[in-house]
Amino acid sequence: MNLNDILQELLPVALSGLSVLLTALIGSAAHTAKQRWGLDIEARHREALHSALMSGIRAGVERGPNEAAEVLIREAVEHAKRSVPDAILRLGPDDSVLSNLARSKLAGLIQRYID
């Protein structure tokens, strides 16, 4: 048995091992890319949602100071649902979560005007 015969016997084993290694590397790279870009997309949706809630609150405040807080919050949530439906679909918050976020935004806005 010479070197050529040995290499011919080992070639299928080496190719099989190499294919397993490459599959693992590609899988790892795909998983890392999905985590990285998936988080970036979610962050953009979250930012869009918060911005839409703030826009809705500002629009309500500009209509007049006599608006009740709950009306402003409800309108902010409705505004967010219309303006960033993809973000709401992706993040999946229910109405109580959206209301709490809008309430927080309203409190921050009021605090800014007080200070």
PDB file of N, CA and C in Angstrom:
ATOM      1  N   MET A   1       0.858  -1.169   0.000  1.00  0.00           N
ATOM      2  CA  MET A   1       0.000   0.000   0.000  1.00  0.00           C
ATOM      3  C   MET A   1       0.908   1.237   0.000  1.00  0.00           C
ATOM      4  N   ASN A   2       0.723   2.088  -0.985  1.00  0.00           N
ATOM      5  CA  ASN A   2       1.555   3.283  -1.080  1.00  0.00           C
ATOM      6  C   ASN A   2       0.768   4.512  -0.584  1.00  0.00           C
ATOM      7  N   LEU A   3       1.406   5.662  -0.624  1.00  0.00           N
ATOM      8  CA  LEU A   3       0.816   6.917  -0.135  1.00  0.00           C
ATOM      9  C   LEU A   3      -0.444   7.286  -0.901  1.00  0.00           C
ATOM     10  N   ASN A   4      -0.462   7.048  -2.188  1.00  0.00           N
ATOM     11  CA  ASN A   4      -1.625   7.363  -3.019  1.00  0.00           C
ATOM     12  C   ASN A   4      -2.841   6.543  -2.575  1.00  0.00           C
ATOM     13  N   ASP A   5      -2.632   5.274  -2.263  1.00  0.00           N
ATOM     14  CA  ASP A   5      -3.724   4.417  -1.801  1.00  0.00           C
ATOM     15  C   ASP A   5      -4.260   4.887  -0.443  1.00  0.00           C
ATOM     16  N   ILE A   6      -3.369   5.295   0.417  1.00  0.00           N
ATOM     17  CA  ILE A   6      -3.770   5.787   1.741  1.00  0.00           C
ATOM     18  C   ILE A   6      -4.594   7.065   1.598  1.00  0.00           C
ATOM     19  N   LEU A   7      -4.137   7.975   0.734  1.00  0.00           N
ATOM     20  CA  LEU A   7      -4.869   9.223   0.518  1.00  0.00           C
ATOM     21  C   LEU A   7      -6.249   8.958  -0.080  1.00  0.00           C
ATOM     22  N   GLN A   8      -6.348   8.007  -0.971  1.00  0.00           N
ATOM     23  CA  GLN A   8      -7.649   7.664  -1.556  1.00  0.00           C
ATOM     24  C   GLN A   8      -8.597   7.098  -0.502  1.00  0.00           C
ATOM     25  N   GLU A   9      -8.066   6.369   0.450  1.00  0.00           N
ATOM     26  CA  GLU A   9      -8.889   5.810   1.530  1.00  0.00           C
ATOM     27  C   GLU A   9      -9.319   6.904   2.515  1.00  0.00           C
ATOM     28  N   LEU A  10      -8.452   7.865   2.772  1.00  0.00           N
ATOM     29  CA  LEU A  10      -8.740   8.922   3.746  1.00  0.00           C
ATOM     30  C   LEU A  10      -9.549  10.085   3.170  1.00  0.00           C
ATOM     31  N   LEU A  11      -9.557  10.242   1.867  1.00  0.00           N
ATOM     32  CA  LEU A  11     -10.238  11.369   1.240  1.00  0.00           C
ATOM     33  C   LEU A  11     -11.728  11.434   1.587  1.00  0.00           C
ATOM     34  N   PRO A  12     -12.482  10.352   1.504  1.00  0.00           N
ATOM     35  CA  PRO A  12     -13.907  10.440   1.877  1.00  0.00           C
ATOM     36  C   PRO A  12     -14.111  10.832   3.341  1.00  0.00           C
ATOM     37  N   VAL A  13     -13.263  10.309   4.222  1.00  0.00           N
ATOM     38  CA  VAL A  13     -13.366  10.645   5.639  1.00  0.00           C
ATOM     39  C   VAL A  13     -13.040  12.118   5.852  1.00  0.00           C
ATOM     40  N   ALA A  14     -12.001  12.603   5.179  1.00  0.00           N
ATOM     41  CA  ALA A  14     -11.612  14.012   5.305  1.00  0.00           C
ATOM     42  C   ALA A  14     -12.690  14.932   4.754  1.00  0.00           C
ATOM     43  N   LEU A  15     -13.269  14.570   3.613  1.00  0.00           N
ATOM     44  CA  LEU A  15     -14.342  15.388   3.031  1.00  0.00           C
ATOM     45  C   LEU A  15     -15.574  15.394   3.923  1.00  0.00           C
ATOM     46  N   SER A  16     -15.890  14.267   4.508  1.00  0.00           N
ATOM     47  CA  SER A  16     -17.027  14.182   5.413  1.00  0.00           C
ATOM     48  C   SER A  16     -16.796  15.063   6.642  1.00  0.00           C
ATOM     49  N   GLY A  17     -15.617  14.986   7.212  1.00  0.00           N
ATOM     50  CA  GLY A  17     -15.274  15.825   8.370  1.00  0.00           C
ATOM     51  C   GLY A  17     -15.293  17.305   8.025  1.00  0.00           C
ATOM     52  N   LEU A  18     -14.776  17.635   6.858  1.00  0.00           N
ATOM     53  CA  LEU A  18     -14.765  19.028   6.411  1.00  0.00           C
ATOM     54  C   LEU A  18     -16.179  19.550   6.210  1.00  0.00           C
ATOM     55  N   SER A  19     -17.066  18.729   5.651  1.00  0.00           N
ATOM     56  CA  SER A  19     -18.448  19.163   5.430  1.00  0.00           C
ATOM     57  C   SER A  19     -19.165  19.383   6.762  1.00  0.00           C
ATOM     58  N   VAL A  20     -18.895  18.538   7.758  1.00  0.00           N
ATOM     59  CA  VAL A  20     -19.486  18.726   9.089  1.00  0.00           C
ATOM     60  C   VAL A  20     -18.988  20.023   9.705  1.00  0.00           C
ATOM     61  N   LEU A  21     -17.702  20.287   9.574  1.00  0.00           N
ATOM     62  CA  LEU A  21     -17.114  21.513  10.117  1.00  0.00           C
ATOM     63  C   LEU A  21     -17.696  22.746   9.433  1.00  0.00           C
ATOM     64  N   LEU A  22     -17.792  22.722   8.109  1.00  0.00           N
ATOM     65  CA  LEU A  22     -18.356  23.864   7.385  1.00  0.00           C
ATOM     66  C   LEU A  22     -19.825  24.076   7.718  1.00  0.00           C
ATOM     67  N   THR A  23     -20.581  23.010   7.856  1.00  0.00           N
ATOM     68  CA  THR A  23     -21.990  23.129   8.235  1.00  0.00           C
ATOM     69  C   THR A  23     -22.123  23.778   9.608  1.00  0.00           C
ATOM     70  N   ALA A  24     -21.294  23.371  10.543  1.00  0.00           N
ATOM     71  CA  ALA A  24     -21.327  23.966  11.885  1.00  0.00           C
ATOM     72  C   ALA A  24     -20.957  25.447  11.842  1.00  0.00           C
ATOM     73  N   LEU A  25     -19.939  25.795  11.067  1.00  0.00           N
ATOM     74  CA  LEU A  25     -19.532  27.200  10.957  1.00  0.00           C
ATOM     75  C   LEU A  25     -20.626  28.053  10.315  1.00  0.00           C
ATOM     76  N   ILE A  26     -21.241  27.556   9.257  1.00  0.00           N
ATOM     77  CA  ILE A  26     -22.319  28.299   8.590  1.00  0.00           C
ATOM     78  C   ILE A  26     -23.516  28.448   9.533  1.00  0.00           C
ATOM     79  N   GLY A  27     -23.853  27.395  10.234  1.00  0.00           N
ATOM     80  CA  GLY A  27     -24.959  27.461  11.191  1.00  0.00           C
ATOM     81  C   GLY A  27     -24.695  28.471  12.296  1.00  0.00           C
ATOM     82  N   SER A  28     -23.477  28.473  12.807  1.00  0.00           N
ATOM     83  CA  SER A  28     -23.104  29.425  13.854  1.00  0.00           C
ATOM     84  C   SER A  28     -23.157  30.860  13.341  1.00  0.00           C
ATOM     85  N   ALA A  29     -22.658  31.081  12.132  1.00  0.00           N
ATOM     86  CA  ALA A  29     -22.692  32.425  11.538  1.00  0.00           C
ATOM     87  C   ALA A  29     -24.130  32.887  11.304  1.00  0.00           C
ATOM     88  N   ALA A  30     -24.978  31.987  10.840  1.00  0.00           N
ATOM     89  CA  ALA A  30     -26.384  32.336  10.602  1.00  0.00           C
ATOM     90  C   ALA A  30     -27.089  32.668  11.915  1.00  0.00           C
ATOM     91  N   HIS A  31     -26.812  31.900  12.956  1.00  0.00           N
ATOM     92  CA  HIS A  31     -27.421  32.160  14.266  1.00  0.00           C
ATOM     93  C   HIS A  31     -26.972  33.515  14.816  1.00  0.00           C
ATOM     94  N   THR A  32     -25.690  33.799  14.712  1.00  0.00           N
ATOM     95  CA  THR A  32     -25.158  35.082  15.184  1.00  0.00           C
ATOM     96  C   THR A  32     -25.767  36.246  14.406  1.00  0.00           C
ATOM     97  N   ALA A  33     -25.872  36.113  13.098  1.00  0.00           N
ATOM     98  CA  ALA A  33     -26.455  37.175  12.274  1.00  0.00           C
ATOM     99  C   ALA A  33     -27.919  37.396  12.629  1.00  0.00           C
ATOM    100  N   LYS A  34     -28.655  36.321  12.845  1.00  0.00           N
ATOM    101  CA  LYS A  34     -30.070  36.451  13.189  1.00  0.00           C
ATOM    102  C   LYS A  34     -30.235  37.173  14.521  1.00  0.00           C
ATOM    103  N   GLN A  35     -29.431  36.819  15.511  1.00  0.00           N
ATOM    104  CA  GLN A  35     -29.517  37.492  16.806  1.00  0.00           C
ATOM    105  C   GLN A  35     -29.185  38.967  16.682  1.00  0.00           C
ATOM    106  N   ARG A  36     -28.123  39.284  15.976  1.00  0.00           N
ATOM    107  CA  ARG A  36     -27.675  40.674  15.876  1.00  0.00           C
ATOM    108  C   ARG A  36     -28.698  41.521  15.136  1.00  0.00           C
ATOM    109  N   TRP A  37     -29.105  41.095  13.958  1.00  0.00           N
ATOM    110  CA  TRP A  37     -30.017  41.910  13.159  1.00  0.00           C
ATOM    111  C   TRP A  37     -31.436  41.826  13.674  1.00  0.00           C
ATOM    112  N   GLY A  38     -31.804  40.718  14.288  1.00  0.00           N
ATOM    113  CA  GLY A  38     -33.138  40.614  14.885  1.00  0.00           C
ATOM    114  C   GLY A  38     -33.308  41.607  16.011  1.00  0.00           C
ATOM    115  N   LEU A  39     -32.262  41.789  16.837  1.00  0.00           N
ATOM    116  CA  LEU A  39     -32.320  42.753  17.926  1.00  0.00           C
ATOM    117  C   LEU A  39     -32.365  44.175  17.389  1.00  0.00           C
ATOM    118  N   ASP A  40     -31.628  44.453  16.319  1.00  0.00           N
ATOM    119  CA  ASP A  40     -31.653  45.781  15.719  1.00  0.00           C
ATOM    120  C   ASP A  40     -33.039  46.120  15.201  1.00  0.00           C
ATOM    121  N   ILE A  41     -33.692  45.165  14.573  1.00  0.00           N
ATOM    122  CA  ILE A  41     -35.041  45.396  14.036  1.00  0.00           C
ATOM    123  C   ILE A  41     -36.012  45.641  15.182  1.00  0.00           C
ATOM    124  N   GLU A  42     -35.912  44.849  16.238  1.00  0.00           N
ATOM    125  CA  GLU A  42     -36.806  45.033  17.381  1.00  0.00           C
ATOM    126  C   GLU A  42     -36.582  46.394  18.030  1.00  0.00           C
ATOM    127  N   ALA A  43     -35.345  46.818  18.137  1.00  0.00           N
ATOM    128  CA  ALA A  43     -35.060  48.131  18.721  1.00  0.00           C
ATOM    129  C   ALA A  43     -35.668  49.247  17.876  1.00  0.00           C
ATOM    130  N   ARG A  44     -35.603  49.125  16.563  1.00  0.00           N
ATOM    131  CA  ARG A  44     -36.211  50.140  15.694  1.00  0.00           C
ATOM    132  C   ARG A  44     -37.723  50.164  15.852  1.00  0.00           C
ATOM    133  N   HIS A  45     -38.340  48.989  15.973  1.00  0.00           N
ATOM    134  CA  HIS A  45     -39.791  48.935  16.189  1.00  0.00           C
ATOM    135  C   HIS A  45     -40.156  49.575  17.532  1.00  0.00           C
ATOM    136  N   ARG A  46     -39.375  49.271  18.569  1.00  0.00           N
ATOM    137  CA  ARG A  46     -39.635  49.835  19.891  1.00  0.00           C
ATOM    138  C   ARG A  46     -39.513  51.350  19.864  1.00  0.00           C
ATOM    139  N   GLU A  47     -38.469  51.844  19.207  1.00  0.00           N
ATOM    140  CA  GLU A  47     -38.260  53.288  19.090  1.00  0.00           C
ATOM    141  C   GLU A  47     -39.409  53.944  18.319  1.00  0.00           C
ATOM    142  N   ALA A  48     -39.856  53.301  17.242  1.00  0.00           N
ATOM    143  CA  ALA A  48     -40.969  53.842  16.460  1.00  0.00           C
ATOM    144  C   ALA A  48     -42.248  53.881  17.296  1.00  0.00           C
ATOM    145  N   LEU A  49     -42.481  52.856  18.098  1.00  0.00           N
ATOM    146  CA  LEU A  49     -43.665  52.813  18.939  1.00  0.00           C
ATOM    147  C   LEU A  49     -43.642  53.933  19.969  1.00  0.00           C
ATOM    148  N   HIS A  50     -42.522  54.104  20.644  1.00  0.00           N
ATOM    149  CA  HIS A  50     -42.415  55.166  21.649  1.00  0.00           C
ATOM    150  C   HIS A  50     -42.571  56.544  21.007  1.00  0.00           C
ATOM    151  N   SER A  51     -41.999  56.724  19.860  1.00  0.00           N
ATOM    152  CA  SER A  51     -42.125  57.999  19.148  1.00  0.00           C
ATOM    153  C   SER A  51     -43.568  58.268  18.757  1.00  0.00           C
ATOM    154  N   ALA A  52     -44.271  57.249  18.288  1.00  0.00           N
ATOM    155  CA  ALA A  52     -45.674  57.417  17.895  1.00  0.00           C
ATOM    156  C   ALA A  52     -46.541  57.752  19.102  1.00  0.00           C
ATOM    157  N   LEU A  53     -46.284  57.113  20.246  1.00  0.00           N
ATOM    158  CA  LEU A  53     -47.043  57.441  21.452  1.00  0.00           C
ATOM    159  C   LEU A  53     -46.804  58.890  21.866  1.00  0.00           C
ATOM    160  N   MET A  54     -45.551  59.314  21.796  1.00  0.00           N
ATOM    161  CA  MET A  54     -45.231  60.697  22.169  1.00  0.00           C
ATOM    162  C   MET A  54     -45.880  61.676  21.200  1.00  0.00           C
ATOM    163  N   SER A  55     -45.898  61.357  19.927  1.00  0.00           N
ATOM    164  CA  SER A  55     -46.546  62.220  18.940  1.00  0.00           C
ATOM    165  C   SER A  55     -48.037  62.332  19.212  1.00  0.00           C
ATOM    166  N   GLY A  56     -48.651  61.231  19.561  1.00  0.00           N
ATOM    167  CA  GLY A  56     -50.073  61.250  19.878  1.00  0.00           C
ATOM    168  C   GLY A  56     -50.375  62.095  21.097  1.00  0.00           C
ATOM    169  N   ILE A  57     -49.537  62.011  22.108  1.00  0.00           N
ATOM    170  CA  ILE A  57     -49.735  62.824  23.312  1.00  0.00           C
ATOM    171  C   ILE A  57     -49.534  64.302  22.992  1.00  0.00           C
ATOM    172  N   ARG A  58     -48.498  64.624  22.253  1.00  0.00           N
ATOM    173  CA  ARG A  58     -48.261  66.028  21.894  1.00  0.00           C
ATOM    174  C   ARG A  58     -49.436  66.595  21.098  1.00  0.00           C
ATOM    175  N   ALA A  59     -49.955  65.790  20.172  1.00  0.00           N
ATOM    176  CA  ALA A  59     -51.094  66.243  19.370  1.00  0.00           C
ATOM    177  C   ALA A  59     -52.297  66.516  20.274  1.00  0.00           C
ATOM    178  N   GLY A  60     -52.532  65.671  21.260  1.00  0.00           N
ATOM    179  CA  GLY A  60     -53.641  65.884  22.189  1.00  0.00           C
ATOM    180  C   GLY A  60     -53.441  67.103  23.058  1.00  0.00           C
ATOM    181  N   VAL A  61     -52.225  67.323  23.538  1.00  0.00           N
ATOM    182  CA  VAL A  61     -51.925  68.481  24.385  1.00  0.00           C
ATOM    183  C   VAL A  61     -52.094  69.773  23.592  1.00  0.00           C
ATOM    184  N   GLU A  62     -51.685  69.760  22.337  1.00  0.00           N
ATOM    185  CA  GLU A  62     -51.791  70.962  21.517  1.00  0.00           C
ATOM    186  C   GLU A  62     -53.245  71.334  21.224  1.00  0.00           C
ATOM    187  N   ARG A  63     -54.157  70.368  21.303  1.00  0.00           N
ATOM    188  CA  ARG A  63     -55.564  70.680  21.073  1.00  0.00           C
ATOM    189  C   ARG A  63     -56.155  71.471  22.223  1.00  0.00           C
ATOM    190  N   GLY A  64     -55.560  71.410  23.377  1.00  0.00           N
ATOM    191  CA  GLY A  64     -56.070  72.211  24.487  1.00  0.00           C
ATOM    192  C   GLY A  64     -55.731  71.623  25.829  1.00  0.00           C
ATOM    193  N   PRO A  65     -55.564  72.490  26.822  1.00  0.00           N
ATOM    194  CA  PRO A  65     -55.175  72.028  28.155  1.00  0.00           C
ATOM    195  C   PRO A  65     -56.315  71.354  28.923  1.00  0.00           C
ATOM    196  N   ASN A  66     -57.539  71.447  28.443  1.00  0.00           N
ATOM    197  CA  ASN A  66     -58.676  70.881  29.162  1.00  0.00           C
ATOM    198  C   ASN A  66     -58.901  69.395  28.865  1.00  0.00           C
ATOM    199  N   GLU A  67     -58.086  68.820  27.995  1.00  0.00           N
ATOM    200  CA  GLU A  67     -58.220  67.402  27.692  1.00  0.00           C
ATOM    201  C   GLU A  67     -57.873  66.575  28.932  1.00  0.00           C
ATOM    202  N   ALA A  68     -58.684  65.592  29.229  1.00  0.00           N
ATOM    203  CA  ALA A  68     -58.405  64.714  30.364  1.00  0.00           C
ATOM    204  C   ALA A  68     -57.248  63.786  30.011  1.00  0.00           C
ATOM    205  N   ALA A  69     -56.485  63.407  31.009  1.00  0.00           N
ATOM    206  CA  ALA A  69     -55.312  62.564  30.800  1.00  0.00           C
ATOM    207  C   ALA A  69     -55.686  61.247  30.128  1.00  0.00           C
ATOM    208  N   GLU A  70     -56.781  60.641  30.536  1.00  0.00           N
ATOM    209  CA  GLU A  70     -57.171  59.350  29.948  1.00  0.00           C
ATOM    210  C   GLU A  70     -57.531  59.484  28.478  1.00  0.00           C
ATOM    211  N   VAL A  71     -58.112  60.622  28.100  1.00  0.00           N
ATOM    212  CA  VAL A  71     -58.429  60.855  26.690  1.00  0.00           C
ATOM    213  C   VAL A  71     -57.129  60.966  25.898  1.00  0.00           C
ATOM    214  N   LEU A  72     -56.162  61.693  26.448  1.00  0.00           N
ATOM    215  CA  LEU A  72     -54.868  61.834  25.784  1.00  0.00           C
ATOM    216  C   LEU A  72     -54.186  60.477  25.626  1.00  0.00           C
ATOM    217  N   ILE A  73     -54.239  59.684  26.667  1.00  0.00           N
ATOM    218  CA  ILE A  73     -53.603  58.366  26.625  1.00  0.00           C
ATOM    219  C   ILE A  73     -54.284  57.482  25.586  1.00  0.00           C
ATOM    220  N   ARG A  74     -55.608  57.474  25.590  1.00  0.00           N
ATOM    221  CA  ARG A  74     -56.350  56.664  24.622  1.00  0.00           C
ATOM    222  C   ARG A  74     -56.040  57.097  23.192  1.00  0.00           C
ATOM    223  N   GLU A  75     -55.996  58.416  22.976  1.00  0.00           N
ATOM    224  CA  GLU A  75     -55.691  58.928  21.641  1.00  0.00           C
ATOM    225  C   GLU A  75     -54.253  58.618  21.229  1.00  0.00           C
ATOM    226  N   ALA A  76     -53.335  58.667  22.182  1.00  0.00           N
ATOM    227  CA  ALA A  76     -51.941  58.332  21.876  1.00  0.00           C
ATOM    228  C   ALA A  76     -51.821  56.868  21.455  1.00  0.00           C
ATOM    229  N   VAL A  77     -52.532  55.994  22.151  1.00  0.00           N
ATOM    230  CA  VAL A  77     -52.499  54.565  21.808  1.00  0.00           C
ATOM    231  C   VAL A  77     -53.102  54.349  20.421  1.00  0.00           C
ATOM    232  N   GLU A  78     -54.220  54.989  20.141  1.00  0.00           N
ATOM    233  CA  GLU A  78     -54.844  54.857  18.820  1.00  0.00           C
ATOM    234  C   GLU A  78     -53.927  55.404  17.729  1.00  0.00           C
ATOM    235  N   HIS A  79     -53.266  56.522  18.018  1.00  0.00           N
ATOM    236  CA  HIS A  79     -52.325  57.101  17.056  1.00  0.00           C
ATOM    237  C   HIS A  79     -51.184  56.122  16.776  1.00  0.00           C
ATOM    238  N   ALA A  80     -50.653  55.516  17.822  1.00  0.00           N
ATOM    239  CA  ALA A  80     -49.554  54.550  17.660  1.00  0.00           C
ATOM    240  C   ALA A  80     -50.010  53.347  16.844  1.00  0.00           C
ATOM    241  N   LYS A  81     -51.221  52.864  17.093  1.00  0.00           N
ATOM    242  CA  LYS A  81     -51.733  51.709  16.346  1.00  0.00           C
ATOM    243  C   LYS A  81     -51.866  52.019  14.856  1.00  0.00           C
ATOM    244  N   ARG A  82     -52.260  53.250  14.545  1.00  0.00           N
ATOM    245  CA  ARG A  82     -52.404  53.628  13.137  1.00  0.00           C
ATOM    246  C   ARG A  82     -51.057  53.924  12.483  1.00  0.00           C
ATOM    247  N   SER A  83     -50.142  54.523  13.230  1.00  0.00           N
ATOM    248  CA  SER A  83     -48.903  54.987  12.602  1.00  0.00           C
ATOM    249  C   SER A  83     -47.783  53.958  12.564  1.00  0.00           C
ATOM    250  N   VAL A  84     -47.744  53.031  13.503  1.00  0.00           N
ATOM    251  CA  VAL A  84     -46.686  52.001  13.505  1.00  0.00           C
ATOM    252  C   VAL A  84     -47.273  50.605  13.745  1.00  0.00           C
ATOM    253  N   PRO A  85     -48.163  50.164  12.857  1.00  0.00           N
ATOM    254  CA  PRO A  85     -48.777  48.838  13.063  1.00  0.00           C
ATOM    255  C   PRO A  85     -47.760  47.699  13.006  1.00  0.00           C
ATOM    256  N   ASP A  86     -46.714  47.847  12.211  1.00  0.00           N
ATOM    257  CA  ASP A  86     -45.698  46.784  12.129  1.00  0.00           C
ATOM    258  C   ASP A  86     -44.969  46.621  13.456  1.00  0.00           C
ATOM    259  N   ALA A  87     -44.647  47.748  14.098  1.00  0.00           N
ATOM    260  CA  ALA A  87     -43.961  47.679  15.391  1.00  0.00           C
ATOM    261  C   ALA A  87     -44.853  47.018  16.430  1.00  0.00           C
ATOM    262  N   ILE A  88     -46.122  47.368  16.442  1.00  0.00           N
ATOM    263  CA  ILE A  88     -47.043  46.777  17.417  1.00  0.00           C
ATOM    264  C   ILE A  88     -47.223  45.290  17.139  1.00  0.00           C
ATOM    265  N   LEU A  89     -47.323  44.926  15.884  1.00  0.00           N
ATOM    266  CA  LEU A  89     -47.458  43.513  15.524  1.00  0.00           C
ATOM    267  C   LEU A  89     -46.215  42.732  15.943  1.00  0.00           C
ATOM    268  N   ARG A  90     -45.041  43.290  15.689  1.00  0.00           N
ATOM    269  CA  ARG A  90     -43.775  42.609  16.002  1.00  0.00           C
ATOM    270  C   ARG A  90     -43.552  42.490  17.510  1.00  0.00           C
ATOM    271  N   LEU A  91     -43.825  43.585  18.257  1.00  0.00           N
ATOM    272  CA  LEU A  91     -43.562  43.576  19.694  1.00  0.00           C
ATOM    273  C   LEU A  91     -44.688  42.918  20.486  1.00  0.00           C
ATOM    274  N   GLY A  92     -45.927  43.003  19.991  1.00  0.00           N
ATOM    275  CA  GLY A  92     -47.054  42.316  20.605  1.00  0.00           C
ATOM    276  C   GLY A  92     -47.555  42.855  21.937  1.00  0.00           C
ATOM    277  N   PRO A  93     -47.461  44.162  22.209  1.00  0.00           N
ATOM    278  CA  PRO A  93     -47.988  44.650  23.497  1.00  0.00           C
ATOM    279  C   PRO A  93     -49.516  44.683  23.458  1.00  0.00           C
ATOM    280  N   ASP A  94     -50.151  44.442  24.619  1.00  0.00           N
ATOM    281  CA  ASP A  94     -51.599  44.583  24.648  1.00  0.00           C
ATOM    282  C   ASP A  94     -51.949  46.036  24.984  1.00  0.00           C
ATOM    283  N   ASP A  95     -53.246  46.349  24.998  1.00  0.00           N
ATOM    284  CA  ASP A  95     -53.674  47.735  25.203  1.00  0.00           C
ATOM    285  C   ASP A  95     -53.244  48.297  26.552  1.00  0.00           C
ATOM    286  N   SER A  96     -53.196  47.456  27.583  1.00  0.00           N
ATOM    287  CA  SER A  96     -52.790  47.965  28.895  1.00  0.00           C
ATOM    288  C   SER A  96     -51.310  48.361  28.899  1.00  0.00           C
ATOM    289  N   VAL A  97     -50.483  47.608  28.205  1.00  0.00           N
ATOM    290  CA  VAL A  97     -49.060  47.965  28.110  1.00  0.00           C
ATOM    291  C   VAL A  97     -48.904  49.272  27.334  1.00  0.00           C
ATOM    292  N   LEU A  98     -49.623  49.386  26.215  1.00  0.00           N
ATOM    293  CA  LEU A  98     -49.561  50.623  25.436  1.00  0.00           C
ATOM    294  C   LEU A  98     -50.053  51.807  26.257  1.00  0.00           C
ATOM    295  N   SER A  99     -51.124  51.617  27.021  1.00  0.00           N
ATOM    296  CA  SER A  99     -51.647  52.696  27.872  1.00  0.00           C
ATOM    297  C   SER A  99     -50.635  53.094  28.934  1.00  0.00           C
ATOM    298  N   ASN A 100     -49.977  52.123  29.540  1.00  0.00           N
ATOM    299  CA  ASN A 100     -48.970  52.432  30.557  1.00  0.00           C
ATOM    300  C   ASN A 100     -47.790  53.189  29.953  1.00  0.00           C
ATOM    301  N   LEU A 101     -47.372  52.787  28.754  1.00  0.00           N
ATOM    302  CA  LEU A 101     -46.286  53.507  28.083  1.00  0.00           C
ATOM    303  C   LEU A 101     -46.703  54.944  27.779  1.00  0.00           C
ATOM    304  N   ALA A 102     -47.919  55.119  27.277  1.00  0.00           N
ATOM    305  CA  ALA A 102     -48.411  56.459  26.957  1.00  0.00           C
ATOM    306  C   ALA A 102     -48.541  57.296  28.227  1.00  0.00           C
ATOM    307  N   ARG A 103     -49.005  56.688  29.315  1.00  0.00           N
ATOM    308  CA  ARG A 103     -49.130  57.400  30.601  1.00  0.00           C
ATOM    309  C   ARG A 103     -47.749  57.881  31.058  1.00  0.00           C
ATOM    310  N   SER A 104     -46.752  57.036  30.902  1.00  0.00           N
ATOM    311  CA  SER A 104     -45.382  57.403  31.260  1.00  0.00           C
ATOM    312  C   SER A 104     -44.885  58.565  30.400  1.00  0.00           C
ATOM    313  N   LYS A 105     -45.172  58.509  29.104  1.00  0.00           N
ATOM    314  CA  LYS A 105     -44.764  59.589  28.202  1.00  0.00           C
ATOM    315  C   LYS A 105     -45.456  60.892  28.591  1.00  0.00           C
ATOM    316  N   LEU A 106     -46.739  60.822  28.926  1.00  0.00           N
ATOM    317  CA  LEU A 106     -47.487  62.015  29.324  1.00  0.00           C
ATOM    318  C   LEU A 106     -46.911  62.597  30.609  1.00  0.00           C
ATOM    319  N   ALA A 107     -46.609  61.739  31.576  1.00  0.00           N
ATOM    320  CA  ALA A 107     -46.022  62.211  32.836  1.00  0.00           C
ATOM    321  C   ALA A 107     -44.680  62.902  32.576  1.00  0.00           C
ATOM    322  N   GLY A 108     -43.877  62.326  31.693  1.00  0.00           N
ATOM    323  CA  GLY A 108     -42.588  62.957  31.353  1.00  0.00           C
ATOM    324  C   GLY A 108     -42.764  64.294  30.698  1.00  0.00           C
ATOM    325  N   LEU A 109     -43.754  64.398  29.816  1.00  0.00           N
ATOM    326  CA  LEU A 109     -44.027  65.659  29.143  1.00  0.00           C
ATOM    327  C   LEU A 109     -44.497  66.718  30.123  1.00  0.00           C
ATOM    328  N   ILE A 110     -45.383  66.338  31.017  1.00  0.00           N
ATOM    329  CA  ILE A 110     -45.870  67.270  32.037  1.00  0.00           C
ATOM    330  C   ILE A 110     -44.721  67.706  32.936  1.00  0.00           C
ATOM    331  N   GLN A 111     -43.890  66.781  33.351  1.00  0.00           N
ATOM    332  CA  GLN A 111     -42.744  67.110  34.210  1.00  0.00           C
ATOM    333  C   GLN A 111     -41.805  68.089  33.526  1.00  0.00           C
ATOM    334  N   ARG A 112     -41.614  67.915  32.227  1.00  0.00           N
ATOM    335  CA  ARG A 112     -40.733  68.804  31.487  1.00  0.00           C
ATOM    336  C   ARG A 112     -41.298  70.228  31.467  1.00  0.00           C
ATOM    337  N   TYR A 113     -42.627  70.349  31.367  1.00  0.00           N
ATOM    338  CA  TYR A 113     -43.241  71.682  31.371  1.00  0.00           C
ATOM    339  C   TYR A 113     -43.213  72.301  32.758  1.00  0.00           C
ATOM    340  N   ILE A 114     -43.248  71.473  33.796  1.00  0.00           N
ATOM    341  CA  ILE A 114     -43.203  71.985  35.182  1.00  0.00           C
ATOM    342  C   ILE A 114     -41.810  72.494  35.511  1.00  0.00           C
ATOM    343  N   ASP A 115     -40.802  71.765  35.081  1.00  0.00           N
ATOM    344  CA  ASP A 115     -39.411  72.144  35.393  1.00  0.00           C
ATOM    345  C   ASP A 115     -39.036  73.332  34.624  1.00  0.00           C
TER     346      ASP A 115
END
